[in-house]
């Protein structure tokens, strides 16, 4: 197995790894290449600040990191961690963070943030083993948004006279 920073050339493999890792997730989801690009752009994900574990040519585990500067601090956001089912329980998340630690120190990262679904106990254990602590809890909702037509409460008309 090889651990290394990702690059934009890894994006096709990343799509496959995301889809494989999240197929049996608490909230299963799948992405295509365009959706991954959108996620990367909106969450400031920087491939070179992200990491993957490869077995041969196959990406088997990854952590995508978004990078922002907030109030003069470099803040890294874990925008997604995934491990293919056959490779879970092997401590790969810890190995990826161990690999990234010198990189974070070199780049003066002052805060590392992530979110995890409360029911995902295996992920919570993995993160706690790596020094993360719970700082806040968020509510997570799912369901279908039902859009209902409403009557117009305002109208826009050109102004013909100004009093």
C-alpha atoms as a PDB file:
ATOM      1  CA  UNK A   1       0.000   0.000   0.000  1.00  0.00           C
ATOM      2  CA  UNK A   2       1.127   3.523  -0.775  1.00  0.00           C
ATOM      3  CA  UNK A   3      -0.072   6.705   0.949  1.00  0.00           C
ATOM      4  CA  UNK A   4       0.349   9.975  -0.913  1.00  0.00           C
ATOM      5  CA  UNK A   5      -1.182  13.377  -1.517  1.00  0.00           C
ATOM      6  CA  UNK A   6      -3.791  13.423  -4.243  1.00  0.00           C
ATOM      7  CA  UNK A   7      -3.679  15.474  -7.437  1.00  0.00           C
ATOM      8  CA  UNK A   8      -6.272  16.501 -10.008  1.00  0.00           C
ATOM      9  CA  UNK A   9      -5.182  13.498 -12.102  1.00  0.00           C
ATOM     10  CA  UNK A  10      -6.630  11.284  -9.344  1.00  0.00           C
ATOM     11  CA  UNK A  11     -10.164  12.692  -9.745  1.00  0.00           C
ATOM     12  CA  UNK A  12     -11.497   9.771 -11.848  1.00  0.00           C
ATOM     13  CA  UNK A  13     -10.197   7.316  -9.241  1.00  0.00           C
ATOM     14  CA  UNK A  14     -11.591   9.522  -6.482  1.00  0.00           C
ATOM     15  CA  UNK A  15     -15.097   9.357  -7.984  1.00  0.00           C
ATOM     16  CA  UNK A  16     -14.895   5.554  -7.991  1.00  0.00           C
ATOM     17  CA  UNK A  17     -13.535   5.450  -4.429  1.00  0.00           C
ATOM     18  CA  UNK A  18     -16.241   7.810  -3.152  1.00  0.00           C
ATOM     19  CA  UNK A  19     -18.955   5.725  -4.776  1.00  0.00           C
ATOM     20  CA  UNK A  20     -17.493   2.496  -3.408  1.00  0.00           C
ATOM     21  CA  UNK A  21     -16.946   3.846   0.091  1.00  0.00           C
ATOM     22  CA  UNK A  22     -20.380   5.456   0.428  1.00  0.00           C
ATOM     23  CA  UNK A  23     -22.521   2.804  -1.291  1.00  0.00           C
ATOM     24  CA  UNK A  24     -23.350   1.274   2.114  1.00  0.00           C
ATOM     25  CA  UNK A  25     -23.140   4.496   4.136  1.00  0.00           C
ATOM     26  CA  UNK A  26     -25.787   5.614   6.656  1.00  0.00           C
ATOM     27  CA  UNK A  27     -26.978   8.017   3.966  1.00  0.00           C
ATOM     28  CA  UNK A  28     -25.862   6.290   0.730  1.00  0.00           C
ATOM     29  CA  UNK A  29     -24.860   8.577  -2.094  1.00  0.00           C
ATOM     30  CA  UNK A  30     -23.095   8.475  -5.423  1.00  0.00           C
ATOM     31  CA  UNK A  31     -21.319  11.213  -7.381  1.00  0.00           C
ATOM     32  CA  UNK A  32     -20.390  11.636 -11.008  1.00  0.00           C
ATOM     33  CA  UNK A  33     -17.361  13.603 -12.227  1.00  0.00           C
ATOM     34  CA  UNK A  34     -19.299  16.872 -12.594  1.00  0.00           C
ATOM     35  CA  UNK A  35     -20.746  16.568  -9.091  1.00  0.00           C
ATOM     36  CA  UNK A  36     -17.276  15.933  -7.659  1.00  0.00           C
ATOM     37  CA  UNK A  37     -15.976  19.059  -9.431  1.00  0.00           C
ATOM     38  CA  UNK A  38     -18.866  21.072  -7.969  1.00  0.00           C
ATOM     39  CA  UNK A  39     -18.177  19.691  -4.476  1.00  0.00           C
ATOM     40  CA  UNK A  40     -14.488  20.515  -4.798  1.00  0.00           C
ATOM     41  CA  UNK A  41     -15.196  24.073  -5.940  1.00  0.00           C
ATOM     42  CA  UNK A  42     -17.861  24.866  -3.341  1.00  0.00           C
ATOM     43  CA  UNK A  43     -15.990  23.300  -0.418  1.00  0.00           C
ATOM     44  CA  UNK A  44     -12.551  24.685  -1.364  1.00  0.00           C
ATOM     45  CA  UNK A  45     -11.161  21.148  -1.656  1.00  0.00           C
ATOM     46  CA  UNK A  46      -7.515  21.186  -2.673  1.00  0.00           C
ATOM     47  CA  UNK A  47      -6.350  17.831  -4.071  1.00  0.00           C
ATOM     48  CA  UNK A  48      -2.742  18.456  -3.043  1.00  0.00           C
ATOM     49  CA  UNK A  49      -3.911  18.945   0.567  1.00  0.00           C
ATOM     50  CA  UNK A  50      -5.912  15.720   0.351  1.00  0.00           C
ATOM     51  CA  UNK A  51      -4.587  12.200   0.789  1.00  0.00           C
ATOM     52  CA  UNK A  52      -5.220   8.729  -0.519  1.00  0.00           C
ATOM     53  CA  UNK A  53      -4.183   5.157   0.111  1.00  0.00           C
ATOM     54  CA  UNK A  54      -3.476   3.127  -3.011  1.00  0.00           C
ATOM     55  CA  UNK A  55      -3.171  -0.605  -3.399  1.00  0.00           C
ATOM     56  CA  UNK A  56      -1.460  -0.916  -6.740  1.00  0.00           C
ATOM     57  CA  UNK A  57      -3.350   1.494  -8.973  1.00  0.00           C
ATOM     58  CA  UNK A  58      -6.592   1.370  -6.965  1.00  0.00           C
ATOM     59  CA  UNK A  59      -7.534   4.188  -4.582  1.00  0.00           C
ATOM     60  CA  UNK A  60      -8.881   2.328  -1.538  1.00  0.00           C
ATOM     61  CA  UNK A  61      -9.131   5.143   1.034  1.00  0.00           C
ATOM     62  CA  UNK A  62      -9.102   8.930   0.941  1.00  0.00           C
ATOM     63  CA  UNK A  63      -9.545  12.136   2.886  1.00  0.00           C
ATOM     64  CA  UNK A  64     -10.537  15.252   0.946  1.00  0.00           C
ATOM     65  CA  UNK A  65      -9.524  18.510   2.594  1.00  0.00           C
ATOM     66  CA  UNK A  66     -10.940  21.966   2.026  1.00  0.00           C
ATOM     67  CA  UNK A  67      -8.586  24.813   2.897  1.00  0.00           C
ATOM     68  CA  UNK A  68      -9.591  28.285   4.044  1.00  0.00           C
ATOM     69  CA  UNK A  69      -8.012  31.219   5.785  1.00  0.00           C
ATOM     70  CA  UNK A  70     -10.280  32.532   8.534  1.00  0.00           C
ATOM     71  CA  UNK A  71      -9.254  35.475  10.707  1.00  0.00           C
ATOM     72  CA  UNK A  72      -5.658  34.961   9.608  1.00  0.00           C
ATOM     73  CA  UNK A  73      -5.684  31.240  10.547  1.00  0.00           C
ATOM     74  CA  UNK A  74      -5.277  28.360   8.128  1.00  0.00           C
ATOM     75  CA  UNK A  75      -8.275  26.106   8.720  1.00  0.00           C
ATOM     76  CA  UNK A  76      -8.538  22.683   7.090  1.00  0.00           C
ATOM     77  CA  UNK A  77     -11.971  21.096   6.740  1.00  0.00           C
ATOM     78  CA  UNK A  78     -12.327  17.361   6.261  1.00  0.00           C
ATOM     79  CA  UNK A  79     -14.780  17.386   3.353  1.00  0.00           C
ATOM     80  CA  UNK A  80     -15.030  13.616   3.148  1.00  0.00           C
ATOM     81  CA  UNK A  81     -13.289  10.500   4.377  1.00  0.00           C
ATOM     82  CA  UNK A  82     -13.945   7.141   2.815  1.00  0.00           C
ATOM     83  CA  UNK A  83     -12.549   3.627   2.954  1.00  0.00           C
ATOM     84  CA  UNK A  84     -13.673   0.858   0.626  1.00  0.00           C
ATOM     85  CA  UNK A  85     -15.560  -1.814   2.619  1.00  0.00           C
ATOM     86  CA  UNK A  86     -12.918  -4.543   2.110  1.00  0.00           C
ATOM     87  CA  UNK A  87     -10.259  -2.311   3.709  1.00  0.00           C
ATOM     88  CA  UNK A  88     -12.131  -1.047   6.764  1.00  0.00           C
ATOM     89  CA  UNK A  89     -10.830  -1.839  10.230  1.00  0.00           C
ATOM     90  CA  UNK A  90      -7.185  -1.624   9.160  1.00  0.00           C
ATOM     91  CA  UNK A  91      -6.484   1.796  10.692  1.00  0.00           C
ATOM     92  CA  UNK A  92      -6.193   3.563   7.324  1.00  0.00           C
ATOM     93  CA  UNK A  93      -7.766   6.806   8.559  1.00  0.00           C
ATOM     94  CA  UNK A  94      -5.132   7.024  11.289  1.00  0.00           C
ATOM     95  CA  UNK A  95      -2.360   6.246   8.813  1.00  0.00           C
ATOM     96  CA  UNK A  96      -3.578   9.003   6.492  1.00  0.00           C
ATOM     97  CA  UNK A  97      -3.639  11.556   9.320  1.00  0.00           C
ATOM     98  CA  UNK A  98      -0.209  10.397  10.470  1.00  0.00           C
ATOM     99  CA  UNK A  99       1.036  10.929   6.914  1.00  0.00           C
ATOM    100  CA  UNK A 100      -0.540  14.402   6.727  1.00  0.00           C
ATOM    101  CA  UNK A 101       0.657  15.652  10.140  1.00  0.00           C
ATOM    102  CA  UNK A 102       4.081  16.933   8.934  1.00  0.00           C
ATOM    103  CA  UNK A 103       2.380  18.557   5.915  1.00  0.00           C
ATOM    104  CA  UNK A 104      -0.077  20.359   8.214  1.00  0.00           C
ATOM    105  CA  UNK A 105       2.730  21.509  10.493  1.00  0.00           C
ATOM    106  CA  UNK A 106       4.820  22.726   7.537  1.00  0.00           C
ATOM    107  CA  UNK A 107       1.826  24.687   6.228  1.00  0.00           C
ATOM    108  CA  UNK A 108       0.994  26.096   9.663  1.00  0.00           C
ATOM    109  CA  UNK A 109      -2.499  24.622   9.878  1.00  0.00           C
ATOM    110  CA  UNK A 110      -4.030  25.930  13.083  1.00  0.00           C
ATOM    111  CA  UNK A 111      -7.358  24.115  13.044  1.00  0.00           C
ATOM    112  CA  UNK A 112      -8.672  20.883  11.556  1.00  0.00           C
ATOM    113  CA  UNK A 113     -12.459  20.538  11.422  1.00  0.00           C
ATOM    114  CA  UNK A 114     -14.730  17.679  10.443  1.00  0.00           C
ATOM    115  CA  UNK A 115     -18.339  16.645  10.734  1.00  0.00           C
ATOM    116  CA  UNK A 116     -19.602  13.124  11.279  1.00  0.00           C
ATOM    117  CA  UNK A 117     -23.096  11.691  11.565  1.00  0.00           C
ATOM    118  CA  UNK A 118     -23.770  10.807  15.199  1.00  0.00           C
ATOM    119  CA  UNK A 119     -24.853   7.249  14.337  1.00  0.00           C
ATOM    120  CA  UNK A 120     -21.590   6.510  12.519  1.00  0.00           C
ATOM    121  CA  UNK A 121     -19.828   5.027  15.547  1.00  0.00           C
ATOM    122  CA  UNK A 122     -16.948   3.462  13.609  1.00  0.00           C
ATOM    123  CA  UNK A 123     -16.042   6.861  12.130  1.00  0.00           C
ATOM    124  CA  UNK A 124     -16.382   8.582  15.504  1.00  0.00           C
ATOM    125  CA  UNK A 125     -14.036   6.021  17.085  1.00  0.00           C
ATOM    126  CA  UNK A 126     -11.508   6.464  14.270  1.00  0.00           C
ATOM    127  CA  UNK A 127     -11.546  10.253  14.645  1.00  0.00           C
ATOM    128  CA  UNK A 128     -11.331  10.131  18.443  1.00  0.00           C
ATOM    129  CA  UNK A 129      -8.319   7.792  18.169  1.00  0.00           C
ATOM    130  CA  UNK A 130      -6.685  10.539  16.099  1.00  0.00           C
ATOM    131  CA  UNK A 131      -7.236  13.249  18.701  1.00  0.00           C
ATOM    132  CA  UNK A 132     -10.513  14.784  17.528  1.00  0.00           C
ATOM    133  CA  UNK A 133     -13.036  15.880  20.147  1.00  0.00           C
ATOM    134  CA  UNK A 134     -16.700  16.778  19.837  1.00  0.00           C
ATOM    135  CA  UNK A 135     -17.093  20.554  19.900  1.00  0.00           C
ATOM    136  CA  UNK A 136     -20.729  20.856  18.889  1.00  0.00           C
ATOM    137  CA  UNK A 137     -23.652  18.771  17.678  1.00  0.00           C
ATOM    138  CA  UNK A 138     -25.743  19.622  14.645  1.00  0.00           C
ATOM    139  CA  UNK A 139     -29.161  18.406  13.630  1.00  0.00           C
ATOM    140  CA  UNK A 140     -29.324  16.504  10.363  1.00  0.00           C
ATOM    141  CA  UNK A 141     -32.573  16.164   8.477  1.00  0.00           C
ATOM    142  CA  UNK A 142     -33.607  14.192   5.452  1.00  0.00           C
ATOM    143  CA  UNK A 143     -36.770  13.964   3.437  1.00  0.00           C
ATOM    144  CA  UNK A 144     -38.387  15.355   0.354  1.00  0.00           C
ATOM    145  CA  UNK A 145     -38.913  19.047  -0.068  1.00  0.00           C
ATOM    146  CA  UNK A 146     -42.463  19.643  -1.286  1.00  0.00           C
ATOM    147  CA  UNK A 147     -42.799  22.869  -3.225  1.00  0.00           C
ATOM    148  CA  UNK A 148     -46.314  24.234  -3.213  1.00  0.00           C
ATOM    149  CA  UNK A 149     -47.532  27.064  -5.403  1.00  0.00           C
ATOM    150  CA  UNK A 150     -48.398  30.224  -3.525  1.00  0.00           C
ATOM    151  CA  UNK A 151     -50.175  33.368  -4.462  1.00  0.00           C
ATOM    152  CA  UNK A 152     -48.005  36.383  -5.191  1.00  0.00           C
ATOM    153  CA  UNK A 153     -47.679  38.589  -2.137  1.00  0.00           C
ATOM    154  CA  UNK A 154     -45.859  41.326  -3.998  1.00  0.00           C
ATOM    155  CA  UNK A 155     -45.595  42.571  -7.511  1.00  0.00           C
ATOM    156  CA  UNK A 156     -42.931  44.474  -9.376  1.00  0.00           C
ATOM    157  CA  UNK A 157     -44.056  47.251 -11.712  1.00  0.00           C
ATOM    158  CA  UNK A 158     -42.123  49.982 -13.464  1.00  0.00           C
ATOM    159  CA  UNK A 159     -42.205  53.323 -11.734  1.00  0.00           C
ATOM    160  CA  UNK A 160     -43.815  55.832 -14.071  1.00  0.00           C
ATOM    161  CA  UNK A 161     -44.006  58.769 -11.702  1.00  0.00           C
ATOM    162  CA  UNK A 162     -41.861  59.797  -8.795  1.00  0.00           C
ATOM    163  CA  UNK A 163     -43.831  61.841  -6.231  1.00  0.00           C
END
